[in-house]
Amino acid sequence: MNNRLSLWISGVALLSASTILLALIHLKIPFPPLPFLTFRFDEIPCVIAFLIFGFKAGLTVAFIEFLILNLGKPYHVLIGPLMKFLAIVSMLIGFVVADKLWKLKFKEFKRFGITVFLFMGIIFRVSVMAFSTFILYYILFPKLYLPFAKGLLSRVMGLSFSSDLELVSILLLLTSLFNALHVFFSLIPATIVHKIYVRSLRKSSVQPKVGGSKES
């Protein structure tokens, strides 16, 4: 086993352990309009894994989190953890696209820096999760989720709805806002950690591997 592979395995193991710990201690911040949606700190290690080791590493950490969440007591077994997994993976795919754009010799992308990553992460995550939420709430389990969401929005925001489609439309708007904000919540702290990591490697005269789309 070469040094690069050893570093990859140990790094992914450490970040997976961090994700598990953060998931188990339920470190999260509720999204006020829909408190069942929460900004979770356990997404951050997934993004750190992506930034340091590449897409496969981020995907691995996200999948391990998916498994761990199913071992707990999710509101809906498999479905809740799967939705979170889709949110993380779609965001990471957006980062992969941003990374490819970053490497093109276009001054426009270079000038905007992290904004490109935020933008592509938001586009992919919001699009995938809006479609998934519509299928889940309106097609697959309307009798399970819609009454709960209707009662919650009525209590929290004082809203009333003339039809289920109107209710789902409001839910899609709010969940899209939540997912857009979560990209900021996940990427910015991970970027700070990644910069610290790169600086520490430079100080120790080790050439770092930078760029989310490359694989070890």
C-alpha atoms as a PDB file:
ATOM      1  CA  MET A   1       0.000   0.000   0.000  1.00  0.00           C
ATOM      2  CA  ASN A   2       1.610   3.278  -1.131  1.00  0.00           C
ATOM      3  CA  ASN A   3       1.676   6.462   0.923  1.00  0.00           C
ATOM      4  CA  ARG A   4      -0.995   8.203  -1.128  1.00  0.00           C
ATOM      5  CA  LEU A   5      -3.486   5.350  -0.711  1.00  0.00           C
ATOM      6  CA  SER A   6      -2.676   5.109   2.995  1.00  0.00           C
ATOM      7  CA  LEU A   7      -3.321   8.840   3.366  1.00  0.00           C
ATOM      8  CA  TRP A   8      -6.610   8.506   1.468  1.00  0.00           C
ATOM      9  CA  ILE A   9      -7.838   5.639   3.654  1.00  0.00           C
ATOM     10  CA  SER A  10      -6.774   7.237   6.929  1.00  0.00           C
ATOM     11  CA  GLY A  11      -8.210  10.614   5.916  1.00  0.00           C
ATOM     12  CA  VAL A  12     -11.560   9.166   4.847  1.00  0.00           C
ATOM     13  CA  ALA A  13     -11.712   7.048   8.017  1.00  0.00           C
ATOM     14  CA  LEU A  14     -11.045  10.108  10.191  1.00  0.00           C
ATOM     15  CA  LEU A  15     -13.621  12.246   8.396  1.00  0.00           C
ATOM     16  CA  SER A  16     -16.169   9.415   8.482  1.00  0.00           C
ATOM     17  CA  ALA A  17     -15.637   9.117  12.231  1.00  0.00           C
ATOM     18  CA  SER A  18     -16.170  12.878  12.542  1.00  0.00           C
ATOM     19  CA  THR A  19     -19.402  12.616  10.571  1.00  0.00           C
ATOM     20  CA  ILE A  20     -20.633   9.742  12.740  1.00  0.00           C
ATOM     21  CA  LEU A  21     -19.806  11.653  15.930  1.00  0.00           C
ATOM     22  CA  LEU A  22     -21.583  14.800  14.754  1.00  0.00           C
ATOM     23  CA  ALA A  23     -24.600  12.737  13.656  1.00  0.00           C
ATOM     24  CA  LEU A  24     -24.806  10.899  16.977  1.00  0.00           C
ATOM     25  CA  ILE A  25     -24.656  14.054  19.097  1.00  0.00           C
ATOM     26  CA  HIS A  26     -27.358  15.637  16.888  1.00  0.00           C
ATOM     27  CA  LEU A  27     -25.468  18.892  16.417  1.00  0.00           C
ATOM     28  CA  LYS A  28     -27.837  20.845  14.190  1.00  0.00           C
ATOM     29  CA  ILE A  29     -29.711  24.137  13.764  1.00  0.00           C
ATOM     30  CA  PRO A  30     -33.441  24.075  12.842  1.00  0.00           C
ATOM     31  CA  PHE A  31     -34.652  25.946   9.762  1.00  0.00           C
ATOM     32  CA  PRO A  32     -37.341  28.229  11.328  1.00  0.00           C
ATOM     33  CA  PRO A  33     -40.155  27.920   8.720  1.00  0.00           C
ATOM     34  CA  LEU A  34     -39.827  24.105   8.667  1.00  0.00           C
ATOM     35  CA  PRO A  35     -38.134  22.990  11.903  1.00  0.00           C
ATOM     36  CA  PHE A  36     -37.919  19.367  10.733  1.00  0.00           C
ATOM     37  CA  LEU A  37     -35.330  20.622   8.228  1.00  0.00           C
ATOM     38  CA  THR A  38     -32.043  21.224  10.033  1.00  0.00           C
ATOM     39  CA  PHE A  39     -28.623  22.589   9.172  1.00  0.00           C
ATOM     40  CA  ARG A  40     -26.410  19.681  10.174  1.00  0.00           C
ATOM     41  CA  PHE A  41     -22.724  20.015  10.961  1.00  0.00           C
ATOM     42  CA  ASP A  42     -22.113  16.404   9.909  1.00  0.00           C
ATOM     43  CA  GLU A  43     -22.217  17.476   6.247  1.00  0.00           C
ATOM     44  CA  ILE A  44     -19.044  19.503   6.696  1.00  0.00           C
ATOM     45  CA  PRO A  45     -16.663  16.489   6.914  1.00  0.00           C
ATOM     46  CA  CYS A  46     -18.163  15.194   3.635  1.00  0.00           C
ATOM     47  CA  VAL A  47     -17.205  18.434   1.905  1.00  0.00           C
ATOM     48  CA  ILE A  48     -13.773  18.452   3.548  1.00  0.00           C
ATOM     49  CA  ALA A  49     -13.214  14.921   2.207  1.00  0.00           C
ATOM     50  CA  PHE A  50     -14.166  16.141  -1.265  1.00  0.00           C
ATOM     51  CA  LEU A  51     -11.875  19.175  -1.146  1.00  0.00           C
ATOM     52  CA  ILE A  52      -8.856  17.231   0.093  1.00  0.00           C
ATOM     53  CA  PHE A  53      -9.221  13.753  -1.413  1.00  0.00           C
ATOM     54  CA  GLY A  54     -11.739  14.077  -4.260  1.00  0.00           C
ATOM     55  CA  PHE A  55     -15.288  13.105  -5.155  1.00  0.00           C
ATOM     56  CA  LYS A  56     -14.993   9.406  -4.264  1.00  0.00           C
ATOM     57  CA  ALA A  57     -13.845  10.312  -0.770  1.00  0.00           C
ATOM     58  CA  GLY A  58     -16.738  12.719  -0.261  1.00  0.00           C
ATOM     59  CA  LEU A  59     -19.160  10.119  -1.600  1.00  0.00           C
ATOM     60  CA  THR A  60     -17.731   7.470   0.737  1.00  0.00           C
ATOM     61  CA  VAL A  61     -18.118   9.667   3.810  1.00  0.00           C
ATOM     62  CA  ALA A  62     -21.674  10.602   2.763  1.00  0.00           C
ATOM     63  CA  PHE A  63     -22.600   6.927   2.264  1.00  0.00           C
ATOM     64  CA  ILE A  64     -21.237   5.992   5.682  1.00  0.00           C
ATOM     65  CA  GLU A  65     -23.377   8.776   7.165  1.00  0.00           C
ATOM     66  CA  PHE A  66     -26.395   7.370   5.303  1.00  0.00           C
ATOM     67  CA  LEU A  67     -25.806   3.968   6.886  1.00  0.00           C
ATOM     68  CA  ILE A  68     -25.367   5.430  10.367  1.00  0.00           C
ATOM     69  CA  LEU A  69     -28.524   7.550  10.138  1.00  0.00           C
ATOM     70  CA  ASN A  70     -30.545   4.439   9.312  1.00  0.00           C
ATOM     71  CA  LEU A  71     -29.259   2.786  12.482  1.00  0.00           C
ATOM     72  CA  GLY A  72     -30.848   5.536  14.548  1.00  0.00           C
ATOM     73  CA  LYS A  73     -34.514   6.483  14.639  1.00  0.00           C
ATOM     74  CA  PRO A  74     -35.278   8.503  11.502  1.00  0.00           C
ATOM     75  CA  TYR A  75     -38.808   9.828  11.006  1.00  0.00           C
ATOM     76  CA  HIS A  76     -39.146   7.543   7.989  1.00  0.00           C
ATOM     77  CA  VAL A  77     -36.671   4.648   7.754  1.00  0.00           C
ATOM     78  CA  LEU A  78     -34.474   4.817   4.628  1.00  0.00           C
ATOM     79  CA  ILE A  79     -36.400   7.768   3.160  1.00  0.00           C
ATOM     80  CA  GLY A  80     -35.077  10.503   5.466  1.00  0.00           C
ATOM     81  CA  PRO A  81     -31.441   9.370   5.336  1.00  0.00           C
ATOM     82  CA  LEU A  82     -31.757   8.802   1.573  1.00  0.00           C
ATOM     83  CA  MET A  83     -32.997  12.362   1.022  1.00  0.00           C
ATOM     84  CA  LYS A  84     -30.030  13.663   2.991  1.00  0.00           C
ATOM     85  CA  PHE A  85     -27.669  11.453   0.986  1.00  0.00           C
ATOM     86  CA  LEU A  86     -29.144  12.816  -2.263  1.00  0.00           C
ATOM     87  CA  ALA A  87     -28.706  16.372  -0.978  1.00  0.00           C
ATOM     88  CA  ILE A  88     -25.024  15.846  -0.199  1.00  0.00           C
ATOM     89  CA  VAL A  89     -24.205  13.910  -3.371  1.00  0.00           C
ATOM     90  CA  SER A  90     -25.985  16.394  -5.658  1.00  0.00           C
ATOM     91  CA  MET A  91     -24.079  19.228  -3.974  1.00  0.00           C
ATOM     92  CA  LEU A  92     -20.771  17.391  -4.449  1.00  0.00           C
ATOM     93  CA  ILE A  93     -21.568  16.793  -8.131  1.00  0.00           C
ATOM     94  CA  GLY A  94     -22.140  20.531  -8.450  1.00  0.00           C
ATOM     95  CA  PHE A  95     -18.702  21.079  -6.914  1.00  0.00           C
ATOM     96  CA  VAL A  96     -17.186  18.644  -9.436  1.00  0.00           C
ATOM     97  CA  VAL A  97     -18.667  20.672 -12.297  1.00  0.00           C
ATOM     98  CA  ALA A  98     -17.414  23.883 -10.673  1.00  0.00           C
ATOM     99  CA  ASP A  99     -13.947  22.351 -10.311  1.00  0.00           C
ATOM    100  CA  LYS A 100     -13.868  21.516 -14.019  1.00  0.00           C
ATOM    101  CA  LEU A 101     -14.961  25.062 -14.872  1.00  0.00           C
ATOM    102  CA  TRP A 102     -12.304  26.397 -12.499  1.00  0.00           C
ATOM    103  CA  LYS A 103      -9.608  24.499 -14.397  1.00  0.00           C
ATOM    104  CA  LEU A 104     -10.669  25.962 -17.745  1.00  0.00           C
ATOM    105  CA  LYS A 105      -8.603  28.929 -18.833  1.00  0.00           C
ATOM    106  CA  PHE A 106     -11.458  31.408 -18.504  1.00  0.00           C
ATOM    107  CA  LYS A 107     -10.734  34.526 -16.505  1.00  0.00           C
ATOM    108  CA  GLU A 108     -14.428  34.799 -15.585  1.00  0.00           C
ATOM    109  CA  PHE A 109     -14.329  31.620 -13.488  1.00  0.00           C
ATOM    110  CA  LYS A 110     -10.957  32.423 -11.930  1.00  0.00           C
ATOM    111  CA  ARG A 111     -12.144  35.854 -10.858  1.00  0.00           C
ATOM    112  CA  PHE A 112     -15.229  34.621  -9.023  1.00  0.00           C
ATOM    113  CA  GLY A 113     -13.357  31.909  -7.093  1.00  0.00           C
ATOM    114  CA  ILE A 114     -15.466  30.110  -4.482  1.00  0.00           C
ATOM    115  CA  THR A 115     -18.603  31.769  -5.846  1.00  0.00           C
ATOM    116  CA  VAL A 116     -18.515  29.319  -8.763  1.00  0.00           C
ATOM    117  CA  PHE A 117     -18.514  26.397  -6.332  1.00  0.00           C
ATOM    118  CA  LEU A 118     -21.357  27.897  -4.303  1.00  0.00           C
ATOM    119  CA  PHE A 119     -23.403  28.586  -7.423  1.00  0.00           C
ATOM    120  CA  MET A 120     -22.998  25.125  -8.955  1.00  0.00           C
ATOM    121  CA  GLY A 121     -23.537  23.419  -5.600  1.00  0.00           C
ATOM    122  CA  ILE A 122     -26.780  25.355  -5.145  1.00  0.00           C
ATOM    123  CA  ILE A 123     -28.006  24.682  -8.687  1.00  0.00           C
ATOM    124  CA  PHE A 124     -27.468  20.917  -8.447  1.00  0.00           C
ATOM    125  CA  ARG A 125     -28.642  20.491  -4.854  1.00  0.00           C
ATOM    126  CA  VAL A 126     -31.757  22.640  -5.184  1.00  0.00           C
ATOM    127  CA  SER A 127     -32.771  21.027  -8.493  1.00  0.00           C
ATOM    128  CA  VAL A 128     -32.350  17.447  -7.290  1.00  0.00           C
ATOM    129  CA  MET A 129     -34.001  18.052  -3.933  1.00  0.00           C
ATOM    130  CA  ALA A 130     -36.946  19.991  -5.387  1.00  0.00           C
ATOM    131  CA  PHE A 131     -37.686  17.090  -7.726  1.00  0.00           C
ATOM    132  CA  SER A 132     -37.174  14.509  -4.952  1.00  0.00           C
ATOM    133  CA  THR A 133     -39.372  16.435  -2.512  1.00  0.00           C
ATOM    134  CA  PHE A 134     -42.178  16.723  -5.063  1.00  0.00           C
ATOM    135  CA  ILE A 135     -42.062  12.969  -5.754  1.00  0.00           C
ATOM    136  CA  LEU A 136     -41.933  12.119  -2.052  1.00  0.00           C
ATOM    137  CA  TYR A 137     -44.625  14.522  -0.798  1.00  0.00           C
ATOM    138  CA  TYR A 138     -47.051  14.630  -3.724  1.00  0.00           C
ATOM    139  CA  ILE A 139     -46.658  11.263  -5.481  1.00  0.00           C
ATOM    140  CA  LEU A 140     -45.386   8.585  -3.072  1.00  0.00           C
ATOM    141  CA  PHE A 141     -46.508   9.524   0.446  1.00  0.00           C
ATOM    142  CA  PRO A 142     -49.026  12.408   0.318  1.00  0.00           C
ATOM    143  CA  LYS A 143     -51.113  11.010   3.202  1.00  0.00           C
ATOM    144  CA  LEU A 144     -48.042  10.746   5.423  1.00  0.00           C
ATOM    145  CA  TYR A 145     -46.235  14.024   4.796  1.00  0.00           C
ATOM    146  CA  LEU A 146     -48.815  16.572   3.599  1.00  0.00           C
ATOM    147  CA  PRO A 147     -51.031  16.654   6.729  1.00  0.00           C
ATOM    148  CA  PHE A 148     -47.932  16.997   8.897  1.00  0.00           C
ATOM    149  CA  ALA A 149     -46.493  19.801   6.741  1.00  0.00           C
ATOM    150  CA  LYS A 150     -49.866  21.562   6.500  1.00  0.00           C
ATOM    151  CA  GLY A 151     -50.327  21.578  10.261  1.00  0.00           C
ATOM    152  CA  LEU A 152     -46.778  22.780  10.825  1.00  0.00           C
ATOM    153  CA  LEU A 153     -46.972  25.647   8.343  1.00  0.00           C
ATOM    154  CA  SER A 154     -50.364  26.660   9.725  1.00  0.00           C
ATOM    155  CA  ARG A 155     -48.978  26.850  13.261  1.00  0.00           C
ATOM    156  CA  VAL A 156     -45.576  28.379  12.484  1.00  0.00           C
ATOM    157  CA  MET A 157     -46.440  30.786   9.664  1.00  0.00           C
ATOM    158  CA  GLY A 158     -50.237  31.091   9.899  1.00  0.00           C
ATOM    159  CA  LEU A 159     -50.704  29.916   6.311  1.00  0.00           C
ATOM    160  CA  SER A 160     -53.797  28.294   4.831  1.00  0.00           C
ATOM    161  CA  PHE A 161     -53.950  26.291   1.616  1.00  0.00           C
ATOM    162  CA  SER A 162     -56.663  25.808  -0.964  1.00  0.00           C
ATOM    163  CA  SER A 163     -55.192  22.622  -2.408  1.00  0.00           C
ATOM    164  CA  ASP A 164     -52.476  20.036  -1.884  1.00  0.00           C
ATOM    165  CA  LEU A 165     -50.668  21.346  -4.954  1.00  0.00           C
ATOM    166  CA  GLU A 166     -50.513  24.822  -3.427  1.00  0.00           C
ATOM    167  CA  LEU A 167     -49.167  23.311  -0.198  1.00  0.00           C
ATOM    168  CA  VAL A 168     -46.497  21.365  -2.094  1.00  0.00           C
ATOM    169  CA  SER A 169     -45.520  24.497  -4.030  1.00  0.00           C
ATOM    170  CA  ILE A 170     -44.890  26.373  -0.771  1.00  0.00           C
ATOM    171  CA  LEU A 171     -42.952  23.392   0.568  1.00  0.00           C
ATOM    172  CA  LEU A 172     -40.778  23.293  -2.562  1.00  0.00           C
ATOM    173  CA  LEU A 173     -40.046  27.008  -2.233  1.00  0.00           C
ATOM    174  CA  LEU A 174     -39.051  26.685   1.425  1.00  0.00           C
ATOM    175  CA  THR A 175     -37.017  23.496   0.975  1.00  0.00           C
ATOM    176  CA  SER A 176     -35.220  25.067  -1.990  1.00  0.00           C
ATOM    177  CA  LEU A 177     -34.287  28.054   0.177  1.00  0.00           C
ATOM    178  CA  PHE A 178     -33.116  25.681   2.905  1.00  0.00           C
ATOM    179  CA  ASN A 179     -30.958  23.647   0.514  1.00  0.00           C
ATOM    180  CA  ALA A 180     -29.434  26.772  -1.026  1.00  0.00           C
ATOM    181  CA  LEU A 181     -28.475  28.058   2.437  1.00  0.00           C
ATOM    182  CA  HIS A 182     -27.104  24.650   3.409  1.00  0.00           C
ATOM    183  CA  VAL A 183     -24.549  24.836   0.592  1.00  0.00           C
ATOM    184  CA  PHE A 184     -23.111  27.956   2.263  1.00  0.00           C
ATOM    185  CA  PHE A 185     -23.327  26.267   5.658  1.00  0.00           C
ATOM    186  CA  SER A 186     -21.388  23.209   4.433  1.00  0.00           C
ATOM    187  CA  LEU A 187     -18.881  24.669   1.976  1.00  0.00           C
ATOM    188  CA  ILE A 188     -17.545  27.766   3.742  1.00  0.00           C
ATOM    189  CA  PRO A 189     -16.337  26.026   6.963  1.00  0.00           C
ATOM    190  CA  ALA A 190     -14.955  23.141   4.872  1.00  0.00           C
ATOM    191  CA  THR A 191     -13.041  25.618   2.700  1.00  0.00           C
ATOM    192  CA  ILE A 192     -11.482  27.182   5.791  1.00  0.00           C
ATOM    193  CA  VAL A 193     -10.381  23.754   7.063  1.00  0.00           C
ATOM    194  CA  HIS A 194      -9.011  22.882   3.611  1.00  0.00           C
ATOM    195  CA  LYS A 195      -6.934  26.086   3.507  1.00  0.00           C
ATOM    196  CA  ILE A 196      -5.492  25.307   6.940  1.00  0.00           C
ATOM    197  CA  TYR A 197      -4.658  21.784   5.721  1.00  0.00           C
ATOM    198  CA  VAL A 198      -2.902  23.088   2.600  1.00  0.00           C
ATOM    199  CA  ARG A 199      -0.900  25.619   4.609  1.00  0.00           C
ATOM    200  CA  SER A 200       0.211  22.956   7.065  1.00  0.00           C
ATOM    201  CA  LEU A 201       1.402  20.755   4.210  1.00  0.00           C
ATOM    202  CA  ARG A 202       3.316  23.629   2.657  1.00  0.00           C
ATOM    203  CA  LYS A 203       5.016  24.345   5.945  1.00  0.00           C
ATOM    204  CA  SER A 204       6.084  20.711   6.191  1.00  0.00           C
ATOM    205  CA  SER A 205       7.342  20.833   2.564  1.00  0.00           C
ATOM    206  CA  VAL A 206       4.823  18.241   1.387  1.00  0.00           C
ATOM    207  CA  GLN A 207       3.114  18.808  -1.944  1.00  0.00           C
ATOM    208  CA  PRO A 208      -0.661  18.835  -1.265  1.00  0.00           C
ATOM    209  CA  LYS A 209      -3.256  17.336  -3.549  1.00  0.00           C
ATOM    210  CA  VAL A 210      -5.704  20.139  -4.256  1.00  0.00           C
ATOM    211  CA  GLY A 211      -8.811  20.029  -6.405  1.00  0.00           C
ATOM    212  CA  GLY A 212     -12.026  18.180  -5.731  1.00  0.00           C
ATOM    213  CA  SER A 213     -12.370  16.354  -9.042  1.00  0.00           C
ATOM    214  CA  LYS A 214      -9.088  14.454  -8.958  1.00  0.00           C
ATOM    215  CA  GLU A 215      -8.954  11.055  -7.373  1.00  0.00           C
ATOM    216  CA  SER A 216      -6.243   9.449  -5.307  1.00  0.00           C
END
